[in-house]
Amino acid sequence: MQVIVHYPKEEAAQHELSARVAQCHADAVIRYIREQPWSREQKLALIDLILNVKSK
């Protein structure tokens, strides 16, 4: 599958696109974690791990 993206030329629009893509990715990660048959503690441990890696 090929996807063609026409990036915005204005800086403000580029920032908005970046924020929307980040939100979409975060929603997908959250949905994936919620669908797993893991315990609540395992899910929270994974979320903590993700946040710790991101903050470095």
Protein backbone atom coordinates (compact mmCIF):
# COMPACT_ATOMS: atom_id res chain seq x y z
CA MET A 1 0.00 0.00 0.00
CA GLN A 2 1.29 3.43 -0.86
CA VAL A 3 0.22 6.57 0.89
CA ILE A 4 0.86 10.01 -0.54
CA VAL A 5 0.98 12.82 1.98
CA HIS A 6 1.04 16.46 0.97
CA TYR A 7 2.65 18.17 3.93
CA PRO A 8 1.50 21.65 4.85
CA LYS A 9 3.88 24.45 4.02
CA GLU A 10 3.01 26.76 6.91
CA GLU A 11 4.82 26.09 10.19
CA ALA A 12 1.65 26.29 12.29
CA ALA A 13 -0.06 23.77 10.05
CA GLN A 14 2.98 21.46 10.28
CA HIS A 15 2.77 21.59 14.08
CA GLU A 16 -0.95 20.83 13.97
CA LEU A 17 -0.34 17.83 11.68
CA SER A 18 2.39 16.59 14.01
CA ALA A 19 0.09 16.88 17.02
CA ARG A 20 -2.72 15.02 15.23
CA VAL A 21 -0.38 12.20 14.18
CA ALA A 22 0.94 11.91 17.75
CA GLN A 23 -2.61 11.74 19.12
CA CYS A 24 -3.55 9.05 16.59
CA HIS A 25 -0.50 7.00 17.57
CA ALA A 26 -1.25 7.39 21.28
CA ASP A 27 -4.86 6.29 20.71
CA ALA A 28 -3.66 3.18 18.85
CA VAL A 29 -1.24 2.26 21.65
CA ILE A 30 -3.92 2.73 24.31
CA ARG A 31 -6.42 0.66 22.32
CA TYR A 32 -3.83 -2.10 21.84
CA ILE A 33 -3.01 -2.22 25.56
CA ARG A 34 -6.69 -2.28 26.55
CA GLU A 35 -7.38 -5.22 24.22
CA GLN A 36 -4.65 -7.41 25.71
CA PRO A 37 -5.63 -10.22 28.10
CA TRP A 38 -3.10 -8.99 30.67
CA SER A 39 -3.80 -8.10 34.27
CA ARG A 40 -4.33 -4.48 35.22
CA GLU A 41 -0.93 -4.47 36.94
CA GLN A 42 0.80 -5.71 33.78
CA LYS A 43 -0.90 -3.05 31.69
CA LEU A 44 0.10 -0.32 34.14
CA ALA A 45 3.67 -1.64 34.20
CA LEU A 46 3.82 -1.38 30.41
CA ILE A 47 2.43 2.16 30.47
CA ASP A 48 5.03 3.13 33.11
CA LEU A 49 7.77 1.63 30.92
CA ILE A 50 6.56 3.57 27.89
CA LEU A 51 6.44 6.83 29.85
CA ASN A 52 9.91 6.27 31.30
CA VAL A 53 11.41 5.58 27.87
CA LYS A 54 9.70 8.64 26.41
CA SER A 55 10.93 10.93 29.18
CA LYS A 56 14.61 10.03 28.60
